[in-house]
């Protein structure tokens, strides 16, 4: 019986696989961010027994790999801070510690599902953080730096894609956008910007816009203000290296936030861009259902959430032409997310756990 832990750092991921006695089943392996599909395939039979681990464990600060792992049929668990050693300001606890936790106390870990996403079982923390953030959000809104949709009296919408860039799906999305000559905003994670700068340049060269989506897609309530600040700063540095500028908008992973981490946005920096239409593509309900969800809920000023990375996005790509065609039929104009900042900003965010 095998147990695997996946740690993240500035350069990618480290995987440790141990057996039921705590011995290494294989040597530790390192994977760059663009090799997550390859890492997933390797995890399906990492040891000499050619069997998948009983549990693959990720931290709550790593929201970038569980989608592909669960799609591959692996059994994935999340380790929350209270069951782990202290985490560094930037990076996760060692992969060995994650694997050991599964081996010695699997019941203390949260099993993840494709439907629940990376924050399965954290509803109270999620909604509690949002409720406590109302005052901070009001301050940001007064500064014009918090919005979830644009003006409702203009035929403008913003199509946005989270969790990329991805070496396969981002290019497919860009090809479709080019075919219809529509503009989008890509909220990218720093690990992928660092690993795939050419893909970021491809986005910009095609006339689209960028947003900061943190470095490792963490659950923000589990971060200290300093840890959150480093997530933003390191991602901005990766953008600077790739395209020579930093985004004007930021989107919190899962839409989660707390007043403590939002306080780091108040002195200056990007606007916080949420959404009012969640495609639910991350749950992989089927292309037809994804398109139907978007078309049923989009209206003037909408910010639409879809994904080009962080999992198996074939359904998102397949749904995109129907989404675009349906919105163009309504004579809606696709603009950058930042262009909607002048709209209503006082409504709370939706109940989605993704982004």
Protein backbone atom coordinates (compact mmCIF):
# COMPACT_ATOMS: atom_id res chain seq x y z
CA UNK A 1 0.00 0.00 0.00
CA UNK A 2 1.44 3.36 -1.08
CA UNK A 3 0.97 6.95 0.03
CA UNK A 4 2.07 10.00 -2.00
CA UNK A 5 2.62 13.61 -1.00
CA UNK A 6 2.94 16.52 -3.44
CA UNK A 7 4.77 19.65 -2.27
CA UNK A 8 5.09 22.92 -4.21
CA UNK A 9 7.89 25.47 -4.37
CA UNK A 10 8.96 28.38 -6.56
CA UNK A 11 10.12 25.95 -9.25
CA UNK A 12 7.39 23.33 -9.39
CA UNK A 13 6.49 20.19 -7.47
CA UNK A 14 8.20 17.46 -5.48
CA UNK A 15 6.60 14.05 -5.02
CA UNK A 16 7.41 11.51 -2.28
CA UNK A 17 5.89 8.04 -2.31
CA UNK A 18 6.16 5.78 0.76
CA UNK A 19 4.87 2.35 1.64
CA UNK A 20 2.83 1.17 4.64
CA UNK A 21 5.98 0.93 6.78
CA UNK A 22 7.10 4.45 5.93
CA UNK A 23 9.88 3.41 3.57
CA UNK A 24 10.40 5.18 0.27
CA UNK A 25 8.77 3.28 -2.56
CA UNK A 26 10.71 5.34 -5.09
CA UNK A 27 13.27 8.13 -5.01
CA UNK A 28 11.76 11.63 -4.60
CA UNK A 29 10.87 13.15 -7.97
CA UNK A 30 10.67 16.77 -9.10
CA UNK A 31 8.30 18.08 -11.75
CA UNK A 32 8.11 21.45 -13.46
CA UNK A 33 4.66 23.01 -13.57
CA UNK A 34 4.16 22.22 -17.26
CA UNK A 35 4.75 18.52 -16.52
CA UNK A 36 1.75 17.99 -14.22
CA UNK A 37 -0.01 15.74 -16.79
CA UNK A 38 3.14 13.61 -16.95
CA UNK A 39 3.35 13.60 -13.15
CA UNK A 40 -0.27 12.46 -12.98
CA UNK A 41 0.40 9.54 -15.31
CA UNK A 42 3.49 8.57 -13.30
CA UNK A 43 1.47 8.57 -10.06
CA UNK A 44 -0.91 5.99 -11.46
CA UNK A 45 1.90 3.40 -11.01
CA UNK A 46 4.83 4.97 -9.13
CA UNK A 47 6.21 1.99 -7.28
CA UNK A 48 7.51 -1.48 -8.15
CA UNK A 49 4.06 -2.92 -7.44
CA UNK A 50 2.67 -0.84 -10.33
CA UNK A 51 -0.32 0.23 -8.29
CA UNK A 52 -1.69 3.72 -7.65
CA UNK A 53 -1.27 5.14 -4.13
CA UNK A 54 -4.09 4.63 -1.69
CA UNK A 55 -3.92 8.40 -1.13
CA UNK A 56 -2.30 11.33 -2.94
CA UNK A 57 -2.05 14.30 -0.55
CA UNK A 58 -1.84 18.00 -1.38
CA UNK A 59 -1.84 21.04 0.89
CA UNK A 60 -4.63 23.61 1.04
CA UNK A 61 -2.10 26.05 -0.45
CA UNK A 62 -1.81 23.92 -3.60
CA UNK A 63 -4.93 24.21 -5.74
CA UNK A 64 -3.38 23.49 -9.13
CA UNK A 65 -3.06 19.71 -9.39
CA UNK A 66 -6.11 18.12 -7.74
CA UNK A 67 -8.27 18.61 -10.85
CA UNK A 68 -6.03 16.52 -13.07
CA UNK A 69 -5.42 13.95 -10.34
CA UNK A 70 -9.11 13.34 -9.66
CA UNK A 71 -9.88 13.30 -13.40
CA UNK A 72 -7.31 10.50 -13.73
CA UNK A 73 -9.14 8.47 -11.09
CA UNK A 74 -6.57 8.94 -8.32
CA UNK A 75 -7.77 9.22 -4.73
CA UNK A 76 -6.81 12.72 -3.59
CA UNK A 77 -6.83 14.17 -0.08
CA UNK A 78 -6.22 17.69 1.21
CA UNK A 79 -4.12 18.37 4.30
CA UNK A 80 -5.19 21.47 6.21
CA UNK A 81 -2.81 23.60 8.30
CA UNK A 82 -3.90 22.30 11.69
CA UNK A 83 -2.71 18.75 10.90
CA UNK A 84 0.69 19.76 9.46
CA UNK A 85 4.01 21.23 10.61
CA UNK A 86 4.47 24.96 10.24
CA UNK A 87 4.64 26.03 6.62
CA UNK A 88 7.29 28.38 5.17
CA UNK A 89 6.17 31.80 3.99
CA UNK A 90 6.54 30.70 0.37
CA UNK A 91 6.12 27.02 -0.41
CA UNK A 92 4.45 24.06 1.21
CA UNK A 93 5.50 21.62 3.89
CA UNK A 94 7.74 18.81 2.54
CA UNK A 95 6.16 16.13 0.40
CA UNK A 96 7.35 13.51 2.88
CA UNK A 97 5.31 15.14 5.67
CA UNK A 98 2.19 14.99 3.51
CA UNK A 99 2.69 11.33 2.64
CA UNK A 100 3.41 10.46 6.30
CA UNK A 101 0.21 12.16 7.41
CA UNK A 102 -1.78 9.93 5.08
CA UNK A 103 0.06 6.83 6.26
CA UNK A 104 -0.38 7.48 9.96
CA UNK A 105 -3.72 9.32 10.16
CA UNK A 106 -5.68 9.25 6.91
CA UNK A 107 -8.89 10.15 8.76
CA UNK A 108 -7.47 13.62 9.54
CA UNK A 109 -7.35 14.48 5.82
CA UNK A 110 -10.20 15.69 3.62
CA UNK A 111 -11.06 13.57 0.55
CA UNK A 112 -11.49 15.70 -2.57
CA UNK A 113 -14.06 15.23 -5.31
CA UNK A 114 -14.33 16.63 -8.81
CA UNK A 115 -17.67 18.18 -7.85
CA UNK A 116 -16.41 19.80 -4.65
CA UNK A 117 -13.07 20.95 -6.03
CA UNK A 118 -9.99 21.73 -3.97
CA UNK A 119 -11.93 23.14 -1.02
CA UNK A 120 -14.32 20.26 -0.49
CA UNK A 121 -15.61 20.46 3.08
CA UNK A 122 -14.42 24.01 3.83
CA UNK A 123 -17.77 25.77 3.30
CA UNK A 124 -17.87 27.35 6.75
CA UNK A 125 -14.38 28.82 6.41
CA UNK A 126 -15.14 29.96 2.88
CA UNK A 127 -18.41 31.76 3.62
CA UNK A 128 -17.22 33.01 6.99
CA UNK A 129 -14.22 34.69 5.41
CA UNK A 130 -16.40 36.38 2.80
CA UNK A 131 -18.84 37.63 5.44
CA UNK A 132 -16.02 39.07 7.54
CA UNK A 133 -14.55 40.77 4.47
CA UNK A 134 -17.53 43.05 3.83
CA UNK A 135 -15.91 46.08 5.45
CA UNK A 136 -12.62 45.69 3.58
CA UNK A 137 -14.47 45.14 0.33
CA UNK A 138 -16.44 48.34 0.88
CA UNK A 139 -13.15 50.23 1.22
CA UNK A 140 -11.84 48.69 -1.98
CA UNK A 141 -15.13 49.46 -3.74
CA UNK A 142 -14.92 53.13 -2.75
CA UNK A 143 -11.49 53.18 -4.39
CA UNK A 144 -12.88 51.56 -7.54
CA UNK A 145 -10.87 48.43 -6.81
CA UNK A 146 -13.52 45.77 -6.11
CA UNK A 147 -16.09 44.55 -8.62
CA UNK A 148 -17.93 41.43 -9.72
CA UNK A 149 -19.69 42.84 -12.77
CA UNK A 150 -19.81 45.98 -14.87
CA UNK A 151 -22.53 48.50 -15.74
CA UNK A 152 -25.89 46.88 -16.38
CA UNK A 153 -26.88 49.50 -18.94
CA UNK A 154 -24.11 48.78 -21.46
CA UNK A 155 -23.84 45.84 -23.87
CA UNK A 156 -20.43 44.84 -22.52
CA UNK A 157 -19.32 41.60 -20.92
CA UNK A 158 -15.97 40.11 -19.92
CA UNK A 159 -15.03 36.50 -20.65
CA UNK A 160 -12.33 35.31 -18.25
CA UNK A 161 -10.22 32.16 -17.93
CA UNK A 162 -8.52 31.04 -14.72
CA UNK A 163 -5.61 28.79 -13.68
CA UNK A 164 -3.48 28.86 -16.84
CA UNK A 165 -1.54 29.16 -18.90
CA UNK A 166 -1.69 25.54 -19.98
CA UNK A 167 0.48 24.28 -22.86
CA UNK A 168 -2.49 22.51 -24.47
CA UNK A 169 -5.77 24.09 -23.45
CA UNK A 170 -4.72 27.75 -23.50
CA UNK A 171 -3.69 27.47 -27.14
CA UNK A 172 -7.00 25.84 -28.00
CA UNK A 173 -8.89 28.63 -26.24
CA UNK A 174 -6.83 31.26 -28.05
CA UNK A 175 -7.58 29.66 -31.40
CA UNK A 176 -11.31 29.80 -30.73
CA UNK A 177 -11.16 33.41 -29.52
CA UNK A 178 -9.26 34.35 -32.67
CA UNK A 179 -11.84 32.63 -34.87
CA UNK A 180 -14.61 34.79 -33.41
CA UNK A 181 -12.43 37.89 -32.92
CA UNK A 182 -13.41 38.32 -29.28
CA UNK A 183 -11.31 39.53 -26.35
CA UNK A 184 -10.78 37.79 -23.02
CA UNK A 185 -8.86 38.14 -19.76
CA UNK A 186 -6.63 35.32 -18.49
CA UNK A 187 -6.12 35.13 -14.71
CA UNK A 188 -2.83 33.25 -14.56
CA UNK A 189 -1.08 31.51 -11.68
CA UNK A 190 2.56 32.35 -11.03
CA UNK A 191 3.81 28.76 -11.16
CA UNK A 192 2.53 28.49 -14.74
CA UNK A 193 3.68 31.98 -15.75
CA UNK A 194 7.16 31.09 -14.50
CA UNK A 195 7.18 27.74 -16.30
CA UNK A 196 5.48 28.84 -19.52
CA UNK A 197 6.40 32.47 -20.29
CA UNK A 198 6.01 31.88 -24.03
CA UNK A 199 2.35 30.99 -23.48
CA UNK A 200 1.83 34.23 -21.54
CA UNK A 201 3.39 36.17 -24.40
CA UNK A 202 1.12 34.31 -26.80
CA UNK A 203 -1.90 35.55 -24.83
CA UNK A 204 -0.72 39.15 -24.93
CA UNK A 205 0.31 39.02 -28.58
CA UNK A 206 -3.21 37.84 -29.44
CA UNK A 207 -4.63 41.03 -27.89
CA UNK A 208 -5.94 39.64 -24.64
CA UNK A 209 -5.48 40.82 -21.06
CA UNK A 210 -3.90 39.32 -17.95
CA UNK A 211 -4.83 39.02 -14.29
CA UNK A 212 -2.94 37.85 -11.20
CA UNK A 213 -4.39 34.63 -9.73
CA UNK A 214 -1.69 34.04 -7.05
CA UNK A 215 1.29 31.71 -7.35
CA UNK A 216 -0.02 28.31 -6.23
CA UNK A 217 -3.82 28.80 -6.12
CA UNK A 218 -4.04 28.62 -2.30
CA UNK A 219 -7.12 28.79 -0.10
CA UNK A 220 -6.55 32.34 1.11
CA UNK A 221 -8.08 31.93 4.60
CA UNK A 222 -5.15 29.61 5.37
CA UNK A 223 -2.52 32.26 4.57
CA UNK A 224 -0.99 34.94 6.74
CA UNK A 225 -0.95 38.46 5.26
CA UNK A 226 2.75 38.03 4.49
CA UNK A 227 2.20 34.71 2.74
CA UNK A 228 -0.56 36.26 0.65
CA UNK A 229 1.61 39.25 -0.24
CA UNK A 230 4.40 36.95 -1.42
CA UNK A 231 1.94 35.02 -3.59
CA UNK A 232 1.02 38.25 -5.38
CA UNK A 233 4.53 39.70 -5.54
CA UNK A 234 6.19 36.55 -6.91
CA UNK A 235 3.47 36.24 -9.55
CA UNK A 236 3.90 39.88 -10.57
CA UNK A 237 7.65 39.28 -10.86
CA UNK A 238 6.98 36.34 -13.19
CA UNK A 239 4.71 38.55 -15.31
CA UNK A 240 7.42 41.21 -15.48
CA UNK A 241 9.93 38.66 -16.73
CA UNK A 242 7.48 37.28 -19.28
CA UNK A 243 5.82 40.41 -20.70
CA UNK A 244 7.41 43.41 -19.00
CA UNK A 245 4.36 44.53 -17.01
CA UNK A 246 2.07 43.45 -14.19
CA UNK A 247 -1.71 43.00 -14.35
CA UNK A 248 -4.10 45.64 -13.10
CA UNK A 249 -6.56 43.06 -11.76
CA UNK A 250 -6.38 40.22 -9.25
CA UNK A 251 -8.78 37.32 -8.67
CA UNK A 252 -8.65 35.26 -5.46
CA UNK A 253 -8.62 31.48 -5.95
CA UNK A 254 -12.10 30.01 -5.38
CA UNK A 255 -13.26 33.58 -4.73
CA UNK A 256 -12.16 33.03 -1.13
CA UNK A 257 -10.88 35.95 0.95
CA UNK A 258 -10.57 37.31 4.47
CA UNK A 259 -10.26 40.87 5.77
CA UNK A 260 -6.68 40.12 6.83
CA UNK A 261 -5.48 39.22 3.34
CA UNK A 262 -7.60 41.91 1.66
CA UNK A 263 -5.88 44.41 3.90
CA UNK A 264 -2.77 43.80 1.83
CA UNK A 265 -4.60 45.20 -1.22
CA UNK A 266 -5.74 48.45 0.39
CA UNK A 267 -2.56 50.57 0.22
CA UNK A 268 -2.32 50.11 -3.54
CA UNK A 269 -2.05 47.46 -6.17
CA UNK A 270 -4.53 45.62 -8.34
CA UNK A 271 -8.31 45.76 -8.36
CA UNK A 272 -10.10 42.67 -7.08
CA UNK A 273 -12.14 41.18 -9.94
CA UNK A 274 -14.68 38.50 -9.00
CA UNK A 275 -17.49 37.25 -11.25
CA UNK A 276 -21.27 37.06 -11.43
CA UNK A 277 -21.51 34.11 -13.85
CA UNK A 278 -19.84 30.83 -12.95
CA UNK A 279 -19.80 28.36 -15.84
CA UNK A 280 -19.12 25.48 -13.41
CA UNK A 281 -16.79 24.10 -16.08
CA UNK A 282 -14.35 23.04 -13.33
CA UNK A 283 -16.89 20.39 -12.23
CA UNK A 284 -16.93 18.93 -15.79
CA UNK A 285 -20.74 18.65 -16.15
CA UNK A 286 -20.47 18.35 -19.97
CA UNK A 287 -19.98 20.97 -22.71
CA UNK A 288 -23.70 21.44 -23.32
CA UNK A 289 -24.39 22.10 -19.64
CA UNK A 290 -21.45 24.52 -19.40
CA UNK A 291 -22.72 26.53 -22.38
CA UNK A 292 -26.30 26.46 -21.09
CA UNK A 293 -25.22 27.72 -17.66
CA UNK A 294 -23.32 30.67 -19.12
CA UNK A 295 -26.05 31.65 -21.58
CA UNK A 296 -28.81 31.35 -18.98
CA UNK A 297 -27.09 33.64 -16.48
CA UNK A 298 -25.19 36.22 -18.53
CA UNK A 299 -26.59 39.72 -18.87
CA UNK A 300 -25.23 43.18 -19.55
CA UNK A 301 -22.06 43.80 -17.57
CA UNK A 302 -21.44 40.17 -16.64
CA UNK A 303 -18.03 38.81 -15.69
CA UNK A 304 -17.97 35.17 -16.85
CA UNK A 305 -15.74 32.62 -15.13
CA UNK A 306 -14.24 29.77 -17.17
CA UNK A 307 -10.95 27.85 -16.99
CA UNK A 308 -8.08 27.15 -19.35
CA UNK A 309 -5.78 25.44 -16.80
CA UNK A 310 -5.61 23.61 -13.50
CA UNK A 311 -7.30 20.43 -14.73
CA UNK A 312 -8.81 18.59 -17.66
CA UNK A 313 -10.33 21.48 -19.64
CA UNK A 314 -11.51 19.61 -22.72
CA UNK A 315 -15.13 20.30 -21.82
CA UNK A 316 -14.42 24.01 -21.39
CA UNK A 317 -12.83 24.16 -24.84
CA UNK A 318 -15.70 22.20 -26.40
CA UNK A 319 -18.30 24.51 -24.83
CA UNK A 320 -16.59 27.76 -25.81
CA UNK A 321 -17.87 28.15 -29.41
CA UNK A 322 -21.49 27.77 -28.29
CA UNK A 323 -20.90 30.25 -25.47
CA UNK A 324 -19.42 32.86 -27.78
CA UNK A 325 -21.97 32.39 -30.53
CA UNK A 326 -24.88 32.64 -28.09
CA UNK A 327 -23.53 35.86 -26.58
CA UNK A 328 -22.72 37.42 -29.95
CA UNK A 329 -26.30 36.74 -31.03
CA UNK A 330 -27.37 39.08 -28.22
CA UNK A 331 -25.10 41.81 -29.62
CA UNK A 332 -22.95 41.76 -26.50
CA UNK A 333 -19.44 43.15 -26.84
CA UNK A 334 -16.49 41.33 -25.27
CA UNK A 335 -14.15 43.63 -23.30
CA UNK A 336 -11.30 43.22 -20.84
CA UNK A 337 -12.29 42.53 -17.24
CA UNK A 338 -10.67 45.78 -16.17
CA UNK A 339 -13.00 47.73 -18.48
CA UNK A 340 -15.95 46.73 -16.26
CA UNK A 341 -14.55 48.33 -13.11
CA UNK A 342 -16.99 51.23 -13.32
CA UNK A 343 -20.02 49.01 -12.71
CA UNK A 344 -22.00 48.16 -9.59
CA UNK A 345 -19.67 46.93 -6.85
CA UNK A 346 -21.82 46.40 -3.79
CA UNK A 347 -23.24 42.92 -4.38
CA UNK A 348 -21.66 39.94 -2.60
CA UNK A 349 -19.83 37.26 -4.53
CA UNK A 350 -21.55 34.11 -5.65
CA UNK A 351 -21.34 30.79 -3.89
CA UNK A 352 -18.88 29.17 -6.28
CA UNK A 353 -15.86 27.46 -4.77
CA UNK A 354 -13.78 27.74 -7.91
CA UNK A 355 -11.87 30.27 -9.92
